[in-house]
Amino acid sequence: MATREQYIDKLEKQLREWNQQIDTLQEKAQGESEEIKTKISDRLEELKARRSELNEKLDRIKDSGEETFEKIKEDAEVLWKDVKEGFSEVRSILKG
């Protein structure tokens, strides 16, 4: 089980990676049809919102104690999963 500090490091690293992936996917979408661009744009906006929520959870984790950390971590894990699935969906649209 990851400690609070390990979890913070892991989440910060993942958020940085997702920022880069969003930029890359936006660039790839430029060469696609308008329909695909719209689908991808809408989905990326959702991902950005989820990423922002996750960033807020990260800030709360940083300010929390161990007991509160576990509760916030559970919420963050749900968001994490949603974001990962969203990226998979965007990649499949691009491959489509």
PDB file of N, CA and C in Angstrom:
ATOM      1  N   MET A   1       0.846  -1.188   0.000  1.00  0.00           N
ATOM      2  CA  MET A   1       0.000   0.000   0.000  1.00  0.00           C
ATOM      3  C   MET A   1       0.887   1.244   0.000  1.00  0.00           C
ATOM      4  N   ALA A   2       0.573   2.141  -0.876  1.00  0.00           N
ATOM      5  CA  ALA A   2       1.365   3.356  -1.021  1.00  0.00           C
ATOM      6  C   ALA A   2       1.123   4.307   0.151  1.00  0.00           C
ATOM      7  N   THR A   3       2.200   4.929   0.571  1.00  0.00           N
ATOM      8  CA  THR A   3       2.061   5.948   1.602  1.00  0.00           C
ATOM      9  C   THR A   3       1.453   7.196   0.964  1.00  0.00           C
ATOM     10  N   ARG A   4       1.059   8.107   1.798  1.00  0.00           N
ATOM     11  CA  ARG A   4       0.477   9.360   1.323  1.00  0.00           C
ATOM     12  C   ARG A   4       1.455  10.076   0.397  1.00  0.00           C
ATOM     13  N   GLU A   5       2.719  10.155   0.783  1.00  0.00           N
ATOM     14  CA  GLU A   5       3.721  10.846  -0.022  1.00  0.00           C
ATOM     15  C   GLU A   5       3.954  10.142  -1.357  1.00  0.00           C
ATOM     16  N   GLN A   6       3.989   8.808  -1.335  1.00  0.00           N
ATOM     17  CA  GLN A   6       4.156   8.052  -2.569  1.00  0.00           C
ATOM     18  C   GLN A   6       2.975   8.278  -3.506  1.00  0.00           C
ATOM     19  N   TYR A   7       1.798   8.306  -2.923  1.00  0.00           N
ATOM     20  CA  TYR A   7       0.590   8.519  -3.720  1.00  0.00           C
ATOM     21  C   TYR A   7       0.598   9.912  -4.342  1.00  0.00           C
ATOM     22  N   ILE A   8       1.006  10.903  -3.579  1.00  0.00           N
ATOM     23  CA  ILE A   8       1.102  12.274  -4.096  1.00  0.00           C
ATOM     24  C   ILE A   8       2.070  12.323  -5.268  1.00  0.00           C
ATOM     25  N   ASP A   9       3.233  11.714  -5.104  1.00  0.00           N
ATOM     26  CA  ASP A   9       4.230  11.686  -6.189  1.00  0.00           C
ATOM     27  C   ASP A   9       3.672  11.001  -7.434  1.00  0.00           C
ATOM     28  N   LYS A  10       3.021   9.872  -7.235  1.00  0.00           N
ATOM     29  CA  LYS A  10       2.447   9.112  -8.346  1.00  0.00           C
ATOM     30  C   LYS A  10       1.389   9.938  -9.080  1.00  0.00           C
ATOM     31  N   LEU A  11       0.533  10.594  -8.324  1.00  0.00           N
ATOM     32  CA  LEU A  11      -0.536  11.389  -8.917  1.00  0.00           C
ATOM     33  C   LEU A  11       0.014  12.612  -9.647  1.00  0.00           C
ATOM     34  N   GLU A  12       0.997  13.274  -9.066  1.00  0.00           N
ATOM     35  CA  GLU A  12       1.617  14.427  -9.732  1.00  0.00           C
ATOM     36  C   GLU A  12       2.253  14.013 -11.062  1.00  0.00           C
ATOM     37  N   LYS A  13       2.952  12.889 -11.053  1.00  0.00           N
ATOM     38  CA  LYS A  13       3.588  12.385 -12.270  1.00  0.00           C
ATOM     39  C   LYS A  13       2.536  12.068 -13.330  1.00  0.00           C
ATOM     40  N   GLN A  14       1.456  11.417 -12.923  1.00  0.00           N
ATOM     41  CA  GLN A  14       0.408  11.049 -13.869  1.00  0.00           C
ATOM     42  C   GLN A  14      -0.277  12.288 -14.442  1.00  0.00           C
ATOM     43  N   LEU A  15      -0.512  13.282 -13.626  1.00  0.00           N
ATOM     44  CA  LEU A  15      -1.138  14.511 -14.120  1.00  0.00           C
ATOM     45  C   LEU A  15      -0.258  15.209 -15.156  1.00  0.00           C
ATOM     46  N   ARG A  16       1.053  15.236 -14.915  1.00  0.00           N
ATOM     47  CA  ARG A  16       1.979  15.824 -15.900  1.00  0.00           C
ATOM     48  C   ARG A  16       1.927  15.039 -17.215  1.00  0.00           C
ATOM     49  N   GLU A  17       1.903  13.731 -17.107  1.00  0.00           N
ATOM     50  CA  GLU A  17       1.843  12.878 -18.300  1.00  0.00           C
ATOM     51  C   GLU A  17       0.548  13.119 -19.069  1.00  0.00           C
ATOM     52  N   TRP A  18      -0.569  13.224 -18.353  1.00  0.00           N
ATOM     53  CA  TRP A  18      -1.846  13.465 -19.010  1.00  0.00           C
ATOM     54  C   TRP A  18      -1.870  14.820 -19.699  1.00  0.00           C
ATOM     55  N   ASN A  19      -1.237  15.826 -19.112  1.00  0.00           N
ATOM     56  CA  ASN A  19      -1.160  17.134 -19.759  1.00  0.00           C
ATOM     57  C   ASN A  19      -0.481  17.001 -21.119  1.00  0.00           C
ATOM     58  N   GLN A  20       0.613  16.254 -21.155  1.00  0.00           N
ATOM     59  CA  GLN A  20       1.334  16.040 -22.413  1.00  0.00           C
ATOM     60  C   GLN A  20       0.483  15.249 -23.408  1.00  0.00           C
ATOM     61  N   GLN A  21      -0.222  14.243 -22.911  1.00  0.00           N
ATOM     62  CA  GLN A  21      -1.056  13.425 -23.788  1.00  0.00           C
ATOM     63  C   GLN A  21      -2.192  14.245 -24.400  1.00  0.00           C
ATOM     64  N   ILE A  22      -2.765  15.143 -23.611  1.00  0.00           N
ATOM     65  CA  ILE A  22      -3.843  15.991 -24.134  1.00  0.00           C
ATOM     66  C   ILE A  22      -3.309  16.847 -25.276  1.00  0.00           C
ATOM     67  N   ASP A  23      -2.142  17.445 -25.080  1.00  0.00           N
ATOM     68  CA  ASP A  23      -1.536  18.258 -26.141  1.00  0.00           C
ATOM     69  C   ASP A  23      -1.292  17.426 -27.398  1.00  0.00           C
ATOM     70  N   THR A  24      -0.749  16.231 -27.224  1.00  0.00           N
ATOM     71  CA  THR A  24      -0.461  15.344 -28.353  1.00  0.00           C
ATOM     72  C   THR A  24      -1.738  14.949 -29.086  1.00  0.00           C
ATOM     73  N   LEU A  25      -2.768  14.602 -28.333  1.00  0.00           N
ATOM     74  CA  LEU A  25      -4.029  14.193 -28.962  1.00  0.00           C
ATOM     75  C   LEU A  25      -4.696  15.353 -29.692  1.00  0.00           C
ATOM     76  N   GLN A  26      -4.585  16.556 -29.140  1.00  0.00           N
ATOM     77  CA  GLN A  26      -5.147  17.720 -29.822  1.00  0.00           C
ATOM     78  C   GLN A  26      -4.431  17.954 -31.155  1.00  0.00           C
ATOM     79  N   GLU A  27      -3.131  17.773 -31.165  1.00  0.00           N
ATOM     80  CA  GLU A  27      -2.363  17.935 -32.399  1.00  0.00           C
ATOM     81  C   GLU A  27      -2.768  16.881 -33.431  1.00  0.00           C
ATOM     82  N   LYS A  28      -2.912  15.633 -32.989  1.00  0.00           N
ATOM     83  CA  LYS A  28      -3.293  14.561 -33.902  1.00  0.00           C
ATOM     84  C   LYS A  28      -4.679  14.791 -34.482  1.00  0.00           C
ATOM     85  N   ALA A  29      -5.558  15.372 -33.695  1.00  0.00           N
ATOM     86  CA  ALA A  29      -6.929  15.600 -34.137  1.00  0.00           C
ATOM     87  C   ALA A  29      -7.007  16.628 -35.261  1.00  0.00           C
ATOM     88  N   GLN A  30      -6.027  17.500 -35.368  1.00  0.00           N
ATOM     89  CA  GLN A  30      -6.058  18.554 -36.385  1.00  0.00           C
ATOM     90  C   GLN A  30      -6.117  17.996 -37.803  1.00  0.00           C
ATOM     91  N   GLY A  31      -5.577  16.829 -38.018  1.00  0.00           N
ATOM     92  CA  GLY A  31      -5.576  16.238 -39.347  1.00  0.00           C
ATOM     93  C   GLY A  31      -6.811  15.412 -39.659  1.00  0.00           C
ATOM     94  N   GLU A  32      -7.767  15.402 -38.763  1.00  0.00           N
ATOM     95  CA  GLU A  32      -8.954  14.563 -38.920  1.00  0.00           C
ATOM     96  C   GLU A  32     -10.132  15.360 -39.493  1.00  0.00           C
ATOM     97  N   SER A  33     -11.196  14.654 -39.822  1.00  0.00           N
ATOM     98  CA  SER A  33     -12.411  15.292 -40.335  1.00  0.00           C
ATOM     99  C   SER A  33     -13.039  16.154 -39.238  1.00  0.00           C
ATOM    100  N   GLU A  34     -13.930  17.039 -39.643  1.00  0.00           N
ATOM    101  CA  GLU A  34     -14.591  17.916 -38.675  1.00  0.00           C
ATOM    102  C   GLU A  34     -15.382  17.109 -37.645  1.00  0.00           C
ATOM    103  N   GLU A  35     -16.014  16.038 -38.087  1.00  0.00           N
ATOM    104  CA  GLU A  35     -16.797  15.198 -37.175  1.00  0.00           C
ATOM    105  C   GLU A  35     -15.890  14.591 -36.104  1.00  0.00           C
ATOM    106  N   ILE A  36     -14.760  14.056 -36.525  1.00  0.00           N
ATOM    107  CA  ILE A  36     -13.809  13.448 -35.597  1.00  0.00           C
ATOM    108  C   ILE A  36     -13.233  14.522 -34.675  1.00  0.00           C
ATOM    109  N   LYS A  37     -12.871  15.661 -35.240  1.00  0.00           N
ATOM    110  CA  LYS A  37     -12.331  16.763 -34.424  1.00  0.00           C
ATOM    111  C   LYS A  37     -13.313  17.151 -33.327  1.00  0.00           C
ATOM    112  N   THR A  38     -14.598  17.231 -33.684  1.00  0.00           N
ATOM    113  CA  THR A  38     -15.618  17.612 -32.712  1.00  0.00           C
ATOM    114  C   THR A  38     -15.743  16.565 -31.614  1.00  0.00           C
ATOM    115  N   LYS A  39     -15.788  15.301 -31.997  1.00  0.00           N
ATOM    116  CA  LYS A  39     -15.867  14.217 -31.002  1.00  0.00           C
ATOM    117  C   LYS A  39     -14.674  14.272 -30.055  1.00  0.00           C
ATOM    118  N   ILE A  40     -13.490  14.412 -30.637  1.00  0.00           N
ATOM    119  CA  ILE A  40     -12.272  14.426 -29.832  1.00  0.00           C
ATOM    120  C   ILE A  40     -12.230  15.664 -28.948  1.00  0.00           C
ATOM    121  N   SER A  41     -12.594  16.796 -29.517  1.00  0.00           N
ATOM    122  CA  SER A  41     -12.586  18.044 -28.755  1.00  0.00           C
ATOM    123  C   SER A  41     -13.524  17.953 -27.554  1.00  0.00           C
ATOM    124  N   ASP A  42     -14.730  17.431 -27.790  1.00  0.00           N
ATOM    125  CA  ASP A  42     -15.692  17.289 -26.691  1.00  0.00           C
ATOM    126  C   ASP A  42     -15.145  16.365 -25.608  1.00  0.00           C
ATOM    127  N   ARG A  43     -14.579  15.258 -26.038  1.00  0.00           N
ATOM    128  CA  ARG A  43     -14.051  14.273 -25.078  1.00  0.00           C
ATOM    129  C   ARG A  43     -12.846  14.837 -24.328  1.00  0.00           C
ATOM    130  N   LEU A  44     -11.986  15.574 -25.020  1.00  0.00           N
ATOM    131  CA  LEU A  44     -10.823  16.169 -24.351  1.00  0.00           C
ATOM    132  C   LEU A  44     -11.251  17.227 -23.339  1.00  0.00           C
ATOM    133  N   GLU A  45     -12.310  17.959 -23.635  1.00  0.00           N
ATOM    134  CA  GLU A  45     -12.815  18.937 -22.664  1.00  0.00           C
ATOM    135  C   GLU A  45     -13.296  18.228 -21.394  1.00  0.00           C
ATOM    136  N   GLU A  46     -13.961  17.097 -21.573  1.00  0.00           N
ATOM    137  CA  GLU A  46     -14.382  16.300 -20.422  1.00  0.00           C
ATOM    138  C   GLU A  46     -13.165  15.817 -19.635  1.00  0.00           C
ATOM    139  N   LEU A  47     -12.145  15.365 -20.364  1.00  0.00           N
ATOM    140  CA  LEU A  47     -10.923  14.887 -19.703  1.00  0.00           C
ATOM    141  C   LEU A  47     -10.233  16.019 -18.934  1.00  0.00           C
ATOM    142  N   LYS A  48     -10.213  17.199 -19.512  1.00  0.00           N
ATOM    143  CA  LYS A  48      -9.610  18.342 -18.824  1.00  0.00           C
ATOM    144  C   LYS A  48     -10.362  18.659 -17.543  1.00  0.00           C
ATOM    145  N   ALA A  49     -11.690  18.565 -17.585  1.00  0.00           N
ATOM    146  CA  ALA A  49     -12.489  18.821 -16.385  1.00  0.00           C
ATOM    147  C   ALA A  49     -12.199  17.777 -15.311  1.00  0.00           C
ATOM    148  N   ARG A  50     -12.141  16.516 -15.712  1.00  0.00           N
ATOM    149  CA  ARG A  50     -11.825  15.434 -14.765  1.00  0.00           C
ATOM    150  C   ARG A  50     -10.415  15.603 -14.209  1.00  0.00           C
ATOM    151  N   ARG A  51      -9.494  15.986 -15.083  1.00  0.00           N
ATOM    152  CA  ARG A  51      -8.113  16.214 -14.654  1.00  0.00           C
ATOM    153  C   ARG A  51      -8.064  17.344 -13.622  1.00  0.00           C
ATOM    154  N   SER A  52      -8.846  18.380 -13.849  1.00  0.00           N
ATOM    155  CA  SER A  52      -8.903  19.483 -12.881  1.00  0.00           C
ATOM    156  C   SER A  52      -9.464  19.020 -11.539  1.00  0.00           C
ATOM    157  N   GLU A  53     -10.499  18.182 -11.592  1.00  0.00           N
ATOM    158  CA  GLU A  53     -11.054  17.624 -10.359  1.00  0.00           C
ATOM    159  C   GLU A  53      -9.992  16.810  -9.630  1.00  0.00           C
ATOM    160  N   LEU A  54      -9.247  16.034 -10.382  1.00  0.00           N
ATOM    161  CA  LEU A  54      -8.197  15.208  -9.794  1.00  0.00           C
ATOM    162  C   LEU A  54      -7.096  16.086  -9.196  1.00  0.00           C
ATOM    163  N   ASN A  55      -6.802  17.178  -9.851  1.00  0.00           N
ATOM    164  CA  ASN A  55      -5.814  18.113  -9.333  1.00  0.00           C
ATOM    165  C   ASN A  55      -6.290  18.720  -8.001  1.00  0.00           C
ATOM    166  N   GLU A  56      -7.582  19.014  -7.920  1.00  0.00           N
ATOM    167  CA  GLU A  56      -8.150  19.514  -6.669  1.00  0.00           C
ATOM    168  C   GLU A  56      -8.043  18.458  -5.566  1.00  0.00           C
ATOM    169  N   LYS A  57      -8.307  17.204  -5.927  1.00  0.00           N
ATOM    170  CA  LYS A  57      -8.166  16.112  -4.946  1.00  0.00           C
ATOM    171  C   LYS A  57      -6.719  16.026  -4.471  1.00  0.00           C
ATOM    172  N   LEU A  58      -5.789  16.196  -5.405  1.00  0.00           N
ATOM    173  CA  LEU A  58      -4.372  16.173  -5.048  1.00  0.00           C
ATOM    174  C   LEU A  58      -4.063  17.260  -4.030  1.00  0.00           C
ATOM    175  N   ASP A  59      -4.568  18.455  -4.264  1.00  0.00           N
ATOM    176  CA  ASP A  59      -4.349  19.548  -3.314  1.00  0.00           C
ATOM    177  C   ASP A  59      -4.936  19.211  -1.943  1.00  0.00           C
ATOM    178  N   ARG A  60      -6.121  18.595  -1.948  1.00  0.00           N
ATOM    179  CA  ARG A  60      -6.739  18.203  -0.665  1.00  0.00           C
ATOM    180  C   ARG A  60      -5.921  17.114   0.028  1.00  0.00           C
ATOM    181  N   ILE A  61      -5.382  16.185  -0.761  1.00  0.00           N
ATOM    182  CA  ILE A  61      -4.551  15.125  -0.183  1.00  0.00           C
ATOM    183  C   ILE A  61      -3.316  15.725   0.463  1.00  0.00           C
ATOM    184  N   LYS A  62      -2.707  16.689  -0.222  1.00  0.00           N
ATOM    185  CA  LYS A  62      -1.507  17.335   0.317  1.00  0.00           C
ATOM    186  C   LYS A  62      -1.787  18.006   1.662  1.00  0.00           C
ATOM    187  N   ASP A  63      -2.999  18.520   1.821  1.00  0.00           N
ATOM    188  CA  ASP A  63      -3.363  19.236   3.044  1.00  0.00           C
ATOM    189  C   ASP A  63      -4.018  18.338   4.089  1.00  0.00           C
ATOM    190  N   SER A  64      -4.182  17.055   3.779  1.00  0.00           N
ATOM    191  CA  SER A  64      -4.928  16.169   4.670  1.00  0.00           C
ATOM    192  C   SER A  64      -4.024  15.380   5.609  1.00  0.00           C
ATOM    193  N   GLY A  65      -4.658  14.830   6.621  1.00  0.00           N
ATOM    194  CA  GLY A  65      -3.999  13.864   7.493  1.00  0.00           C
ATOM    195  C   GLY A  65      -4.227  12.469   6.932  1.00  0.00           C
ATOM    196  N   GLU A  66      -3.665  11.478   7.584  1.00  0.00           N
ATOM    197  CA  GLU A  66      -3.758  10.097   7.092  1.00  0.00           C
ATOM    198  C   GLU A  66      -5.200   9.603   6.975  1.00  0.00           C
ATOM    199  N   GLU A  67      -6.031   9.903   7.964  1.00  0.00           N
ATOM    200  CA  GLU A  67      -7.406   9.398   7.959  1.00  0.00           C
ATOM    201  C   GLU A  67      -8.198  10.005   6.801  1.00  0.00           C
ATOM    202  N   THR A  68      -8.087  11.288   6.626  1.00  0.00           N
ATOM    203  CA  THR A  68      -8.784  11.971   5.546  1.00  0.00           C
ATOM    204  C   THR A  68      -8.204  11.557   4.201  1.00  0.00           C
ATOM    205  N   PHE A  69      -6.913  11.322   4.161  1.00  0.00           N
ATOM    206  CA  PHE A  69      -6.239  10.900   2.936  1.00  0.00           C
ATOM    207  C   PHE A  69      -6.898   9.663   2.347  1.00  0.00           C
ATOM    208  N   GLU A  70      -7.212   8.691   3.151  1.00  0.00           N
ATOM    209  CA  GLU A  70      -7.802   7.446   2.645  1.00  0.00           C
ATOM    210  C   GLU A  70      -9.137   7.700   1.955  1.00  0.00           C
ATOM    211  N   LYS A  71      -9.962   8.578   2.512  1.00  0.00           N
ATOM    212  CA  LYS A  71     -11.266   8.885   1.912  1.00  0.00           C
ATOM    213  C   LYS A  71     -11.075   9.635   0.587  1.00  0.00           C
ATOM    214  N   ILE A  72     -10.211  10.633   0.594  1.00  0.00           N
ATOM    215  CA  ILE A  72      -9.971  11.405  -0.618  1.00  0.00           C
ATOM    216  C   ILE A  72      -9.353  10.509  -1.690  1.00  0.00           C
ATOM    217  N   LYS A  73      -8.481   9.605  -1.268  1.00  0.00           N
ATOM    218  CA  LYS A  73      -7.822   8.687  -2.198  1.00  0.00           C
ATOM    219  C   LYS A  73      -8.860   7.836  -2.923  1.00  0.00           C
ATOM    220  N   GLU A  74      -9.872   7.373  -2.214  1.00  0.00           N
ATOM    221  CA  GLU A  74     -10.925   6.570  -2.840  1.00  0.00           C
ATOM    222  C   GLU A  74     -11.616   7.361  -3.949  1.00  0.00           C
ATOM    223  N   ASP A  75     -11.942   8.618  -3.665  1.00  0.00           N
ATOM    224  CA  ASP A  75     -12.572   9.474  -4.670  1.00  0.00           C
ATOM    225  C   ASP A  75     -11.629   9.707  -5.851  1.00  0.00           C
ATOM    226  N   ALA A  76     -10.362   9.930  -5.548  1.00  0.00           N
ATOM    227  CA  ALA A  76      -9.366  10.180  -6.590  1.00  0.00           C
ATOM    228  C   ALA A  76      -9.212   8.957  -7.492  1.00  0.00           C
ATOM    229  N   GLU A  77      -9.275   7.772  -6.922  1.00  0.00           N
ATOM    230  CA  GLU A  77      -9.124   6.553  -7.716  1.00  0.00           C
ATOM    231  C   GLU A  77     -10.251   6.419  -8.737  1.00  0.00           C
ATOM    232  N   VAL A  78     -11.460   6.804  -8.360  1.00  0.00           N
ATOM    233  CA  VAL A  78     -12.589   6.759  -9.294  1.00  0.00           C
ATOM    234  C   VAL A  78     -12.344   7.728 -10.444  1.00  0.00           C
ATOM    235  N   LEU A  79     -11.914   8.949 -10.125  1.00  0.00           N
ATOM    236  CA  LEU A  79     -11.603   9.933 -11.159  1.00  0.00           C
ATOM    237  C   LEU A  79     -10.469   9.450 -12.050  1.00  0.00           C
ATOM    238  N   TRP A  80      -9.445   8.874 -11.432  1.00  0.00           N
ATOM    239  CA  TRP A  80      -8.280   8.358 -12.158  1.00  0.00           C
ATOM    240  C   TRP A  80      -8.738   7.361 -13.218  1.00  0.00           C
ATOM    241  N   LYS A  81      -9.605   6.441 -12.807  1.00  0.00           N
ATOM    242  CA  LYS A  81     -10.105   5.416 -13.720  1.00  0.00           C
ATOM    243  C   LYS A  81     -10.891   6.062 -14.866  1.00  0.00           C
ATOM    244  N   ASP A  82     -11.728   7.052 -14.551  1.00  0.00           N
ATOM    245  CA  ASP A  82     -12.501   7.743 -15.580  1.00  0.00           C
ATOM    246  C   ASP A  82     -11.589   8.410 -16.608  1.00  0.00           C
ATOM    247  N   VAL A  83     -10.540   9.049 -16.131  1.00  0.00           N
ATOM    248  CA  VAL A  83      -9.620   9.741 -17.034  1.00  0.00           C
ATOM    249  C   VAL A  83      -8.900   8.729 -17.926  1.00  0.00           C
ATOM    250  N   LYS A  84      -8.433   7.636 -17.347  1.00  0.00           N
ATOM    251  CA  LYS A  84      -7.755   6.608 -18.139  1.00  0.00           C
ATOM    252  C   LYS A  84      -8.676   6.067 -19.231  1.00  0.00           C
ATOM    253  N   GLU A  85      -9.928   5.807 -18.878  1.00  0.00           N
ATOM    254  CA  GLU A  85     -10.889   5.305 -19.858  1.00  0.00           C
ATOM    255  C   GLU A  85     -11.158   6.351 -20.939  1.00  0.00           C
ATOM    256  N   GLY A  86     -11.192   7.607 -20.539  1.00  0.00           N
ATOM    257  CA  GLY A  86     -11.400   8.681 -21.504  1.00  0.00           C
ATOM    258  C   GLY A  86     -10.284   8.767 -22.517  1.00  0.00           C
ATOM    259  N   PHE A  87      -9.049   8.634 -22.052  1.00  0.00           N
ATOM    260  CA  PHE A  87      -7.918   8.646 -22.975  1.00  0.00           C
ATOM    261  C   PHE A  87      -7.998   7.468 -23.935  1.00  0.00           C
ATOM    262  N   SER A  88      -8.382   6.320 -23.443  1.00  0.00           N
ATOM    263  CA  SER A  88      -8.529   5.145 -24.306  1.00  0.00           C
ATOM    264  C   SER A  88      -9.586   5.393 -25.374  1.00  0.00           C
ATOM    265  N   GLU A  89     -10.681   6.028 -24.977  1.00  0.00           N
ATOM    266  CA  GLU A  89     -11.749   6.328 -25.921  1.00  0.00           C
ATOM    267  C   GLU A  89     -11.265   7.285 -27.014  1.00  0.00           C
ATOM    268  N   VAL A  90     -10.549   8.331 -26.647  1.00  0.00           N
ATOM    269  CA  VAL A  90     -10.043   9.288 -27.632  1.00  0.00           C
ATOM    270  C   VAL A  90      -9.081   8.596 -28.590  1.00  0.00           C
ATOM    271  N   ARG A  91      -8.204   7.761 -28.061  1.00  0.00           N
ATOM    272  CA  ARG A  91      -7.250   7.043 -28.923  1.00  0.00           C
ATOM    273  C   ARG A  91      -8.000   6.144 -29.912  1.00  0.00           C
ATOM    274  N   SER A  92      -9.076   5.490 -29.446  1.00  0.00           N
ATOM    275  CA  SER A  92      -9.832   4.602 -30.341  1.00  0.00           C
ATOM    276  C   SER A  92     -10.555   5.412 -31.422  1.00  0.00           C
ATOM    277  N   ILE A  93     -11.006   6.620 -31.096  1.00  0.00           N
ATOM    278  CA  ILE A  93     -11.640   7.484 -32.106  1.00  0.00           C
ATOM    279  C   ILE A  93     -10.616   7.847 -33.171  1.00  0.00           C
ATOM    280  N   LEU A  94      -9.418   8.170 -32.748  1.00  0.00           N
ATOM    281  CA  LEU A  94      -8.359   8.539 -33.703  1.00  0.00           C
ATOM    282  C   LEU A  94      -7.961   7.371 -34.591  1.00  0.00           C
ATOM    283  N   LYS A  95      -7.974   6.167 -34.036  1.00  0.00           N
ATOM    284  CA  LYS A  95      -7.610   4.990 -34.822  1.00  0.00           C
ATOM    285  C   LYS A  95      -8.729   4.575 -35.755  1.00  0.00           C
ATOM    286  N   GLY A  96      -9.985   4.877 -35.320  1.00  0.00           N
ATOM    287  CA  GLY A  96     -11.210   4.473 -35.971  1.00  0.00           C
ATOM    288  C   GLY A  96     -11.228   4.531 -37.419  1.00  0.00           C
TER     289      GLY A  96
END
